[in-house]
Each structure stands twice: as structure tokens, then as C-alpha cells.
Amino acid sequence: MGLVTDIALGILLVAALLVVVRLVKGPTTLDRAAAADVFVAILLCGVAVLVARRGSTVFVPVLLALSLLGFASSVAVVRFVGREGPTGRSDDEVEEGSGS
């Protein structure tokens, strides 16, 4: 079991490094937000591998907290980006500027 978890943690480490590169380089805010969401998912997987390796359920509340954090941050980003139209203005500003 130790070899399998070591390999899994190594793969997750490589994935996390690649996601950090996208987080830093990402040309748009949405790319960075998606990278942050994937990074939280990788952290969840890493903690789950550690739980399986140790055979202890001590870190299960950490898994729950991280999953709630990932969900809440994803919803917040979607709501923030959803308010802005493709022009970068909010829907209220577009309606006011339509001129009647």
C-alpha cells in the first residue's frame, strides 16, 4: 500500500505544480479561477490518499472543509463573472446605456 500511495502522491505533486504554473501564467481571470478550483481538488485528493495511507479518519473533517471551500469559491467566481457581460460592464450598466 505504501508504494501505491507514494506513486499517487507523486502524480498529485506533478499535477499541482502544473496547476500552479497555470495559476500564475493564466491570461484571464477565469483561467486563474479554474486553476484554483483544480488546485483545491488536487488538495482533496492528496488528503484522501493520506487518509487511505494511514488508515485513520482524523482528516475526514479537513476533506469536508476543503470541499465546501472549493464549492463556495467556484460559485462565487461564477456569480461574479456572470454579472459582467462580454463587454466587462454589468447588466444594469448595459440596460441604462441602451438609450430609449
PDB file of N, CA and C in Angstrom:
ATOM      1  N   MET A   1       0.824  -1.201   0.000  1.00  0.00           N
ATOM      2  CA  MET A   1       0.000   0.000   0.000  1.00  0.00           C
ATOM      3  C   MET A   1       0.859   1.253   0.000  1.00  0.00           C
ATOM      4  N   GLY A   2       2.024   1.176   0.622  1.00  0.00           N
ATOM      5  CA  GLY A   2       2.896   2.342   0.701  1.00  0.00           C
ATOM      6  C   GLY A   2       3.421   2.779  -0.652  1.00  0.00           C
ATOM      7  N   LEU A   3       3.749   1.826  -1.516  1.00  0.00           N
ATOM      8  CA  LEU A   3       4.260   2.159  -2.847  1.00  0.00           C
ATOM      9  C   LEU A   3       3.174   2.813  -3.694  1.00  0.00           C
ATOM     10  N   VAL A   4       1.967   2.307  -3.605  1.00  0.00           N
ATOM     11  CA  VAL A   4       0.855   2.855  -4.385  1.00  0.00           C
ATOM     12  C   VAL A   4       0.556   4.289  -3.952  1.00  0.00           C
ATOM     13  N   THR A   5       0.527   4.531  -2.657  1.00  0.00           N
ATOM     14  CA  THR A   5       0.246   5.886  -2.183  1.00  0.00           C
ATOM     15  C   THR A   5       1.399   6.831  -2.497  1.00  0.00           C
ATOM     16  N   ASP A   6       2.626   6.339  -2.478  1.00  0.00           N
ATOM     17  CA  ASP A   6       3.763   7.182  -2.866  1.00  0.00           C
ATOM     18  C   ASP A   6       3.656   7.594  -4.331  1.00  0.00           C
ATOM     19  N   ILE A   7       3.287   6.656  -5.183  1.00  0.00           N
ATOM     20  CA  ILE A   7       3.118   6.969  -6.603  1.00  0.00           C
ATOM     21  C   ILE A   7       1.966   7.958  -6.802  1.00  0.00           C
ATOM     22  N   ALA A   8       0.867   7.735  -6.095  1.00  0.00           N
ATOM     23  CA  ALA A   8      -0.283   8.635  -6.203  1.00  0.00           C
ATOM     24  C   ALA A   8       0.073  10.040  -5.739  1.00  0.00           C
ATOM     25  N   LEU A   9       0.801  10.139  -4.636  1.00  0.00           N
ATOM     26  CA  LEU A   9       1.204  11.462  -4.148  1.00  0.00           C
ATOM     27  C   LEU A   9       2.175  12.135  -5.110  1.00  0.00           C
ATOM     28  N   GLY A  10       3.051  11.353  -5.741  1.00  0.00           N
ATOM     29  CA  GLY A  10       3.964  11.917  -6.732  1.00  0.00           C
ATOM     30  C   GLY A  10       3.224  12.478  -7.939  1.00  0.00           C
ATOM     31  N   ILE A  11       2.230  11.734  -8.414  1.00  0.00           N
ATOM     32  CA  ILE A  11       1.426  12.202  -9.542  1.00  0.00           C
ATOM     33  C   ILE A  11       0.660  13.459  -9.160  1.00  0.00           C
ATOM     34  N   LEU A  12       0.106  13.478  -7.958  1.00  0.00           N
ATOM     35  CA  LEU A  12      -0.618  14.667  -7.499  1.00  0.00           C
ATOM     36  C   LEU A  12       0.311  15.869  -7.353  1.00  0.00           C
ATOM     37  N   LEU A  13       1.549  15.625  -6.929  1.00  0.00           N
ATOM     38  CA  LEU A  13       2.516  16.717  -6.811  1.00  0.00           C
ATOM     39  C   LEU A  13       2.828  17.314  -8.177  1.00  0.00           C
ATOM     40  N   VAL A  14       3.037  16.470  -9.169  1.00  0.00           N
ATOM     41  CA  VAL A  14       3.295  16.961 -10.526  1.00  0.00           C
ATOM     42  C   VAL A  14       2.090  17.744 -11.044  1.00  0.00           C
ATOM     43  N   ALA A  15       0.893  17.218 -10.818  1.00  0.00           N
ATOM     44  CA  ALA A  15      -0.321  17.913 -11.246  1.00  0.00           C
ATOM     45  C   ALA A  15      -0.455  19.260 -10.547  1.00  0.00           C
ATOM     46  N   ALA A  16      -0.142  19.308  -9.263  1.00  0.00           N
ATOM     47  CA  ALA A  16      -0.225  20.567  -8.519  1.00  0.00           C
ATOM     48  C   ALA A  16       0.770  21.591  -9.057  1.00  0.00           C
ATOM     49  N   LEU A  17       1.963  21.152  -9.401  1.00  0.00           N
ATOM     50  CA  LEU A  17       2.954  22.074  -9.970  1.00  0.00           C
ATOM     51  C   LEU A  17       2.481  22.635 -11.303  1.00  0.00           C
ATOM     52  N   LEU A  18       1.889  21.791 -12.140  1.00  0.00           N
ATOM     53  CA  LEU A  18       1.369  22.271 -13.418  1.00  0.00           C
ATOM     54  C   LEU A  18       0.213  23.255 -13.222  1.00  0.00           C
ATOM     55  N   VAL A  19      -0.623  22.992 -12.236  1.00  0.00           N
ATOM     56  CA  VAL A  19      -1.736  23.900 -11.959  1.00  0.00           C
ATOM     57  C   VAL A  19      -1.225  25.232 -11.424  1.00  0.00           C
ATOM     58  N   VAL A  20      -0.183  25.207 -10.616  1.00  0.00           N
ATOM     59  CA  VAL A  20       0.389  26.459 -10.104  1.00  0.00           C
ATOM     60  C   VAL A  20       0.941  27.288 -11.256  1.00  0.00           C
ATOM     61  N   VAL A  21       1.542  26.632 -12.238  1.00  0.00           N
ATOM     62  CA  VAL A  21       2.025  27.362 -13.419  1.00  0.00           C
ATOM     63  C   VAL A  21       0.859  28.050 -14.117  1.00  0.00           C
ATOM     64  N   ARG A  22      -0.264  27.337 -14.288  1.00  0.00           N
ATOM     65  CA  ARG A  22      -1.431  27.943 -14.926  1.00  0.00           C
ATOM     66  C   ARG A  22      -2.010  29.051 -14.053  1.00  0.00           C
ATOM     67  N   LEU A  23      -1.937  28.878 -12.751  1.00  0.00           N
ATOM     68  CA  LEU A  23      -2.448  29.887 -11.826  1.00  0.00           C
ATOM     69  C   LEU A  23      -1.653  31.182 -11.947  1.00  0.00           C
ATOM     70  N   VAL A  24      -0.353  31.070 -12.130  1.00  0.00           N
ATOM     71  CA  VAL A  24       0.499  32.257 -12.239  1.00  0.00           C
ATOM     72  C   VAL A  24       0.424  32.854 -13.640  1.00  0.00           C
ATOM     73  N   LYS A  25       0.474  32.000 -14.674  1.00  0.00           N
ATOM     74  CA  LYS A  25       0.525  32.469 -16.047  1.00  0.00           C
ATOM     75  C   LYS A  25      -0.833  32.830 -16.628  1.00  0.00           C
ATOM     76  N   GLY A  26      -1.879  32.174 -16.167  1.00  0.00           N
ATOM     77  CA  GLY A  26      -3.206  32.271 -16.774  1.00  0.00           C
ATOM     78  C   GLY A  26      -3.530  33.631 -17.347  1.00  0.00           C
ATOM     79  N   PRO A  27      -3.835  33.696 -18.640  1.00  0.00           N
ATOM     80  CA  PRO A  27      -4.048  35.001 -19.253  1.00  0.00           C
ATOM     81  C   PRO A  27      -5.316  35.713 -18.778  1.00  0.00           C
ATOM     82  N   THR A  28      -6.321  34.975 -18.339  1.00  0.00           N
ATOM     83  CA  THR A  28      -7.557  35.622 -17.894  1.00  0.00           C
ATOM     84  C   THR A  28      -7.874  35.244 -16.452  1.00  0.00           C
ATOM     85  N   THR A  29      -8.790  35.974 -15.894  1.00  0.00           N
ATOM     86  CA  THR A  29      -9.229  35.704 -14.531  1.00  0.00           C
ATOM     87  C   THR A  29      -9.920  34.349 -14.449  1.00  0.00           C
ATOM     88  N   LEU A  30     -10.673  34.000 -15.489  1.00  0.00           N
ATOM     89  CA  LEU A  30     -11.347  32.699 -15.478  1.00  0.00           C
ATOM     90  C   LEU A  30     -10.352  31.550 -15.499  1.00  0.00           C
ATOM     91  N   ASP A  31      -9.236  31.697 -16.215  1.00  0.00           N
ATOM     92  CA  ASP A  31      -8.201  30.659 -16.204  1.00  0.00           C
ATOM     93  C   ASP A  31      -7.621  30.493 -14.811  1.00  0.00           C
ATOM     94  N   ARG A  32      -7.390  31.597 -14.156  1.00  0.00           N
ATOM     95  CA  ARG A  32      -6.849  31.536 -12.787  1.00  0.00           C
ATOM     96  C   ARG A  32      -7.859  30.931 -11.818  1.00  0.00           C
ATOM     97  N   ALA A  33      -9.132  31.281 -11.986  1.00  0.00           N
ATOM     98  CA  ALA A  33     -10.170  30.734 -11.107  1.00  0.00           C
ATOM     99  C   ALA A  33     -10.316  29.237 -11.320  1.00  0.00           C
ATOM    100  N   ALA A  34     -10.288  28.802 -12.572  1.00  0.00           N
ATOM    101  CA  ALA A  34     -10.374  27.369 -12.848  1.00  0.00           C
ATOM    102  C   ALA A  34      -9.163  26.633 -12.283  1.00  0.00           C
ATOM    103  N   ALA A  35      -7.979  27.241 -12.398  1.00  0.00           N
ATOM    104  CA  ALA A  35      -6.771  26.621 -11.848  1.00  0.00           C
ATOM    105  C   ALA A  35      -6.859  26.522 -10.326  1.00  0.00           C
ATOM    106  N   ALA A  36      -7.395  27.542  -9.686  1.00  0.00           N
ATOM    107  CA  ALA A  36      -7.545  27.497  -8.235  1.00  0.00           C
ATOM    108  C   ALA A  36      -8.524  26.400  -7.824  1.00  0.00           C
ATOM    109  N   ASP A  37      -9.590  26.233  -8.594  1.00  0.00           N
ATOM    110  CA  ASP A  37     -10.560  25.176  -8.309  1.00  0.00           C
ATOM    111  C   ASP A  37      -9.929  23.795  -8.478  1.00  0.00           C
ATOM    112  N   VAL A  38      -9.138  23.622  -9.517  1.00  0.00           N
ATOM    113  CA  VAL A  38      -8.460  22.347  -9.728  1.00  0.00           C
ATOM    114  C   VAL A  38      -7.427  22.106  -8.625  1.00  0.00           C
ATOM    115  N   PHE A  39      -6.764  23.160  -8.169  1.00  0.00           N
ATOM    116  CA  PHE A  39      -5.786  23.018  -7.098  1.00  0.00           C
ATOM    117  C   PHE A  39      -6.460  22.533  -5.817  1.00  0.00           C
ATOM    118  N   VAL A  40      -7.632  23.058  -5.521  1.00  0.00           N
ATOM    119  CA  VAL A  40      -8.378  22.593  -4.341  1.00  0.00           C
ATOM    120  C   VAL A  40      -8.760  21.120  -4.506  1.00  0.00           C
ATOM    121  N   ALA A  41      -9.146  20.727  -5.719  1.00  0.00           N
ATOM    122  CA  ALA A  41      -9.483  19.323  -5.969  1.00  0.00           C
ATOM    123  C   ALA A  41      -8.253  18.429  -5.784  1.00  0.00           C
ATOM    124  N   ILE A  42      -7.092  18.894  -6.216  1.00  0.00           N
ATOM    125  CA  ILE A  42      -5.861  18.127  -6.025  1.00  0.00           C
ATOM    126  C   ILE A  42      -5.529  18.007  -4.535  1.00  0.00           C
ATOM    127  N   LEU A  43      -5.737  19.083  -3.797  1.00  0.00           N
ATOM    128  CA  LEU A  43      -5.535  19.007  -2.346  1.00  0.00           C
ATOM    129  C   LEU A  43      -6.472  17.984  -1.711  1.00  0.00           C
ATOM    130  N   LEU A  44      -7.724  17.964  -2.167  1.00  0.00           N
ATOM    131  CA  LEU A  44      -8.673  16.976  -1.660  1.00  0.00           C
ATOM    132  C   LEU A  44      -8.182  15.559  -1.926  1.00  0.00           C
ATOM    133  N   CYS A  45      -7.702  15.332  -3.132  1.00  0.00           N
ATOM    134  CA  CYS A  45      -7.197  14.001  -3.476  1.00  0.00           C
ATOM    135  C   CYS A  45      -5.971  13.645  -2.642  1.00  0.00           C
ATOM    136  N   GLY A  46      -5.101  14.621  -2.411  1.00  0.00           N
ATOM    137  CA  GLY A  46      -3.915  14.364  -1.601  1.00  0.00           C
ATOM    138  C   GLY A  46      -4.261  13.997  -0.175  1.00  0.00           C
ATOM    139  N   VAL A  47      -5.216  14.717   0.405  1.00  0.00           N
ATOM    140  CA  VAL A  47      -5.630  14.395   1.767  1.00  0.00           C
ATOM    141  C   VAL A  47      -6.312  13.033   1.799  1.00  0.00           C
ATOM    142  N   ALA A  48      -7.096  12.712   0.762  1.00  0.00           N
ATOM    143  CA  ALA A  48      -7.747  11.395   0.710  1.00  0.00           C
ATOM    144  C   ALA A  48      -6.715  10.273   0.620  1.00  0.00           C
ATOM    145  N   VAL A  49      -5.639  10.493  -0.135  1.00  0.00           N
ATOM    146  CA  VAL A  49      -4.580   9.485  -0.221  1.00  0.00           C
ATOM    147  C   VAL A  49      -3.911   9.320   1.139  1.00  0.00           C
ATOM    148  N   LEU A  50      -3.687  10.423   1.843  1.00  0.00           N
ATOM    149  CA  LEU A  50      -3.092  10.327   3.181  1.00  0.00           C
ATOM    150  C   LEU A  50      -4.012   9.600   4.153  1.00  0.00           C
ATOM    151  N   VAL A  51      -5.326   9.835   4.035  1.00  0.00           N
ATOM    152  CA  VAL A  51      -6.280   9.121   4.888  1.00  0.00           C
ATOM    153  C   VAL A  51      -6.207   7.621   4.597  1.00  0.00           C
ATOM    154  N   ALA A  52      -6.130   7.263   3.315  1.00  0.00           N
ATOM    155  CA  ALA A  52      -6.040   5.844   2.957  1.00  0.00           C
ATOM    156  C   ALA A  52      -4.716   5.242   3.417  1.00  0.00           C
ATOM    157  N   ARG A  53      -3.657   6.012   3.346  1.00  0.00           N
ATOM    158  CA  ARG A  53      -2.336   5.501   3.729  1.00  0.00           C
ATOM    159  C   ARG A  53      -2.255   5.221   5.222  1.00  0.00           C
ATOM    160  N   ARG A  54      -2.775   6.148   6.015  1.00  0.00           N
ATOM    161  CA  ARG A  54      -2.683   5.999   7.472  1.00  0.00           C
ATOM    162  C   ARG A  54      -3.788   5.136   8.052  1.00  0.00           C
ATOM    163  N   GLY A  55      -4.878   4.977   7.312  1.00  0.00           N
ATOM    164  CA  GLY A  55      -5.992   4.184   7.824  1.00  0.00           C
ATOM    165  C   GLY A  55      -6.726   4.875   8.947  1.00  0.00           C
ATOM    166  N   SER A  56      -6.580   6.179   9.035  1.00  0.00           N
ATOM    167  CA  SER A  56      -7.207   6.953  10.097  1.00  0.00           C
ATOM    168  C   SER A  56      -8.213   7.922   9.493  1.00  0.00           C
ATOM    169  N   THR A  57      -9.274   8.170  10.217  1.00  0.00           N
ATOM    170  CA  THR A  57     -10.303   9.096   9.730  1.00  0.00           C
ATOM    171  C   THR A  57     -10.178  10.486  10.339  1.00  0.00           C
ATOM    172  N   VAL A  58      -9.015  10.802  10.876  1.00  0.00           N
ATOM    173  CA  VAL A  58      -8.820  12.092  11.528  1.00  0.00           C
ATOM    174  C   VAL A  58      -8.958  13.247  10.533  1.00  0.00           C
ATOM    175  N   PHE A  59      -8.532  13.021   9.274  1.00  0.00           N
ATOM    176  CA  PHE A  59      -8.519  14.100   8.297  1.00  0.00           C
ATOM    177  C   PHE A  59      -9.820  14.219   7.497  1.00  0.00           C
ATOM    178  N   VAL A  60     -10.809  13.415   7.810  1.00  0.00           N
ATOM    179  CA  VAL A  60     -12.077  13.492   7.077  1.00  0.00           C
ATOM    180  C   VAL A  60     -12.748  14.861   7.237  1.00  0.00           C
ATOM    181  N   PRO A  61     -12.753  15.485   8.414  1.00  0.00           N
ATOM    182  CA  PRO A  61     -13.305  16.844   8.504  1.00  0.00           C
ATOM    183  C   PRO A  61     -12.534  17.852   7.641  1.00  0.00           C
ATOM    184  N   VAL A  62     -11.240  17.642   7.472  1.00  0.00           N
ATOM    185  CA  VAL A  62     -10.460  18.513   6.593  1.00  0.00           C
ATOM    186  C   VAL A  62     -10.937  18.345   5.157  1.00  0.00           C
ATOM    187  N   LEU A  63     -11.224  17.109   4.756  1.00  0.00           N
ATOM    188  CA  LEU A  63     -11.764  16.867   3.419  1.00  0.00           C
ATOM    189  C   LEU A  63     -13.086  17.596   3.229  1.00  0.00           C
ATOM    190  N   LEU A  64     -13.942  17.538   4.225  1.00  0.00           N
ATOM    191  CA  LEU A  64     -15.227  18.211   4.148  1.00  0.00           C
ATOM    192  C   LEU A  64     -15.054  19.714   4.036  1.00  0.00           C
ATOM    193  N   ALA A  65     -14.175  20.280   4.846  1.00  0.00           N
ATOM    194  CA  ALA A  65     -13.952  21.726   4.805  1.00  0.00           C
ATOM    195  C   ALA A  65     -13.363  22.164   3.460  1.00  0.00           C
ATOM    196  N   LEU A  66     -12.417  21.407   2.934  1.00  0.00           N
ATOM    197  CA  LEU A  66     -11.829  21.762   1.642  1.00  0.00           C
ATOM    198  C   LEU A  66     -12.844  21.649   0.512  1.00  0.00           C
ATOM    199  N   SER A  67     -13.704  20.638   0.568  1.00  0.00           N
ATOM    200  CA  SER A  67     -14.705  20.505  -0.490  1.00  0.00           C
ATOM    201  C   SER A  67     -15.714  21.649  -0.439  1.00  0.00           C
ATOM    202  N   LEU A  68     -16.098  22.064   0.747  1.00  0.00           N
ATOM    203  CA  LEU A  68     -17.009  23.212   0.870  1.00  0.00           C
ATOM    204  C   LEU A  68     -16.338  24.498   0.401  1.00  0.00           C
ATOM    205  N   LEU A  69     -15.062  24.650   0.702  1.00  0.00           N
ATOM    206  CA  LEU A  69     -14.323  25.817   0.242  1.00  0.00           C
ATOM    207  C   LEU A  69     -14.252  25.853  -1.278  1.00  0.00           C
ATOM    208  N   GLY A  70     -13.959  24.723  -1.891  1.00  0.00           N
ATOM    209  CA  GLY A  70     -13.896  24.660  -3.349  1.00  0.00           C
ATOM    210  C   GLY A  70     -15.234  24.970  -3.989  1.00  0.00           C
ATOM    211  N   PHE A  71     -16.302  24.424  -3.444  1.00  0.00           N
ATOM    212  CA  PHE A  71     -17.636  24.684  -3.991  1.00  0.00           C
ATOM    213  C   PHE A  71     -18.005  26.153  -3.837  1.00  0.00           C
ATOM    214  N   ALA A  72     -17.794  26.716  -2.664  1.00  0.00           N
ATOM    215  CA  ALA A  72     -18.167  28.111  -2.430  1.00  0.00           C
ATOM    216  C   ALA A  72     -17.354  29.060  -3.306  1.00  0.00           C
ATOM    217  N   SER A  73     -16.075  28.775  -3.481  1.00  0.00           N
ATOM    218  CA  SER A  73     -15.264  29.664  -4.324  1.00  0.00           C
ATOM    219  C   SER A  73     -15.675  29.561  -5.784  1.00  0.00           C
ATOM    220  N   SER A  74     -16.036  28.374  -6.246  1.00  0.00           N
ATOM    221  CA  SER A  74     -16.494  28.218  -7.628  1.00  0.00           C
ATOM    222  C   SER A  74     -17.794  28.987  -7.861  1.00  0.00           C
ATOM    223  N   VAL A  75     -18.715  28.873  -6.932  1.00  0.00           N
ATOM    224  CA  VAL A  75     -19.987  29.585  -7.060  1.00  0.00           C
ATOM    225  C   VAL A  75     -19.755  31.098  -7.031  1.00  0.00           C
ATOM    226  N   ALA A  76     -18.864  31.558  -6.172  1.00  0.00           N
ATOM    227  CA  ALA A  76     -18.592  32.995  -6.090  1.00  0.00           C
ATOM    228  C   ALA A  76     -17.992  33.518  -7.391  1.00  0.00           C
ATOM    229  N   VAL A  77     -17.080  32.786  -7.982  1.00  0.00           N
ATOM    230  CA  VAL A  77     -16.468  33.230  -9.236  1.00  0.00           C
ATOM    231  C   VAL A  77     -17.503  33.247 -10.355  1.00  0.00           C
ATOM    232  N   VAL A  78     -18.340  32.226 -10.421  1.00  0.00           N
ATOM    233  CA  VAL A  78     -19.360  32.177 -11.468  1.00  0.00           C
ATOM    234  C   VAL A  78     -20.343  33.332 -11.314  1.00  0.00           C
ATOM    235  N   ARG A  79     -20.732  33.627 -10.091  1.00  0.00           N
ATOM    236  CA  ARG A  79     -21.646  34.758  -9.878  1.00  0.00           C
ATOM    237  C   ARG A  79     -20.990  36.084 -10.227  1.00  0.00           C
ATOM    238  N   PHE A  80     -19.723  36.233  -9.893  1.00  0.00           N
ATOM    239  CA  PHE A  80     -19.009  37.468 -10.203  1.00  0.00           C
ATOM    240  C   PHE A  80     -18.874  37.658 -11.702  1.00  0.00           C
ATOM    241  N   VAL A  81     -18.475  36.618 -12.409  1.00  0.00           N
ATOM    242  CA  VAL A  81     -18.292  36.719 -13.856  1.00  0.00           C
ATOM    243  C   VAL A  81     -19.642  36.808 -14.553  1.00  0.00           C
ATOM    244  N   GLY A  82     -20.665  36.178 -13.987  1.00  0.00           N
ATOM    245  CA  GLY A  82     -21.997  36.229 -14.577  1.00  0.00           C
ATOM    246  C   GLY A  82     -22.605  37.617 -14.547  1.00  0.00           C
ATOM    247  N   ARG A  83     -22.226  38.446 -13.619  1.00  0.00           N
ATOM    248  CA  ARG A  83     -22.744  39.814 -13.545  1.00  0.00           C
ATOM    249  C   ARG A  83     -22.177  40.692 -14.649  1.00  0.00           C
ATOM    250  N   GLU A  84     -20.973  40.391 -15.060  1.00  0.00           N
ATOM    251  CA  GLU A  84     -20.345  41.178 -16.114  1.00  0.00           C
ATOM    252  C   GLU A  84     -20.652  40.544 -17.456  1.00  0.00           C
ATOM    253  N   GLY A  85     -21.034  41.371 -18.394  1.00  0.00           N
ATOM    254  CA  GLY A  85     -21.278  40.864 -19.744  1.00  0.00           C
ATOM    255  C   GLY A  85     -19.965  40.716 -20.491  1.00  0.00           C
ATOM    256  N   PRO A  86     -20.047  40.363 -21.764  1.00  0.00           N
ATOM    257  CA  PRO A  86     -18.823  40.203 -22.555  1.00  0.00           C
ATOM    258  C   PRO A  86     -18.047  41.505 -22.706  1.00  0.00           C
ATOM    259  N   THR A  87     -18.727  42.645 -22.498  1.00  0.00           N
ATOM    260  CA  THR A  87     -18.044  43.934 -22.622  1.00  0.00           C
ATOM    261  C   THR A  87     -17.350  44.334 -21.334  1.00  0.00           C
ATOM    262  N   GLY A  88     -17.587  43.570 -20.247  1.00  0.00           N
ATOM    263  CA  GLY A  88     -16.970  43.899 -18.972  1.00  0.00           C
ATOM    264  C   GLY A  88     -17.827  44.798 -18.121  1.00  0.00           C
ATOM    265  N   ARG A  89     -19.028  45.176 -18.648  1.00  0.00           N
ATOM    266  CA  ARG A  89     -19.940  46.005 -17.867  1.00  0.00           C
ATOM    267  C   ARG A  89     -21.029  45.135 -17.263  1.00  0.00           C
ATOM    268  N   SER A  90     -21.585  45.587 -16.155  1.00  0.00           N
ATOM    269  CA  SER A  90     -22.653  44.810 -15.529  1.00  0.00           C
ATOM    270  C   SER A  90     -23.930  44.937 -16.339  1.00  0.00           C
ATOM    271  N   ASP A  91     -24.898  44.065 -16.090  1.00  0.00           N
ATOM    272  CA  ASP A  91     -26.157  44.084 -16.812  1.00  0.00           C
ATOM    273  C   ASP A  91     -26.911  45.385 -16.572  1.00  0.00           C
ATOM    274  N   ASP A  92     -26.826  45.962 -15.370  1.00  0.00           N
ATOM    275  CA  ASP A  92     -27.508  47.216 -15.055  1.00  0.00           C
ATOM    276  C   ASP A  92     -26.946  48.356 -15.907  1.00  0.00           C
ATOM    277  N   GLU A  93     -25.626  48.393 -16.068  1.00  0.00           N
ATOM    278  CA  GLU A  93     -24.999  49.435 -16.861  1.00  0.00           C
ATOM    279  C   GLU A  93     -25.382  49.308 -18.332  1.00  0.00           C
ATOM    280  N   VAL A  94     -25.528  48.091 -18.820  1.00  0.00           N
ATOM    281  CA  VAL A  94     -25.898  47.880 -20.216  1.00  0.00           C
ATOM    282  C   VAL A  94     -27.322  48.351 -20.441  1.00  0.00           C
ATOM    283  N   GLU A  95     -28.242  48.056 -19.503  1.00  0.00           N
ATOM    284  CA  GLU A  95     -29.629  48.475 -19.655  1.00  0.00           C
ATOM    285  C   GLU A  95     -29.765  49.987 -19.588  1.00  0.00           C
ATOM    286  N   GLU A  96     -29.008  50.661 -18.717  1.00  0.00           N
ATOM    287  CA  GLU A  96     -29.070  52.106 -18.604  1.00  0.00           C
ATOM    288  C   GLU A  96     -28.519  52.778 -19.852  1.00  0.00           C
ATOM    289  N   GLY A  97     -27.505  52.187 -20.436  1.00  0.00           N
ATOM    290  CA  GLY A  97     -26.852  52.792 -21.594  1.00  0.00           C
ATOM    291  C   GLY A  97     -27.521  52.465 -22.913  1.00  0.00           C
ATOM    292  N   SER A  98     -28.598  51.646 -22.911  1.00  0.00           N
ATOM    293  CA  SER A  98     -29.224  51.267 -24.168  1.00  0.00           C
ATOM    294  C   SER A  98     -29.975  52.436 -24.792  1.00  0.00           C
ATOM    295  N   GLY A  99     -30.349  53.410 -24.011  1.00  0.00           N
ATOM    296  CA  GLY A  99     -30.960  54.646 -24.508  1.00  0.00           C
ATOM    297  C   GLY A  99     -32.322  54.441 -25.137  1.00  0.00           C
ATOM    298  N   SER A 100     -33.360  54.988 -24.500  1.00  0.00           N
ATOM    299  CA  SER A 100     -34.670  54.945 -25.107  1.00  0.00           C
ATOM    300  C   SER A 100     -35.286  56.308 -25.104  1.00  0.00           C
TER     301      SER A 100
END
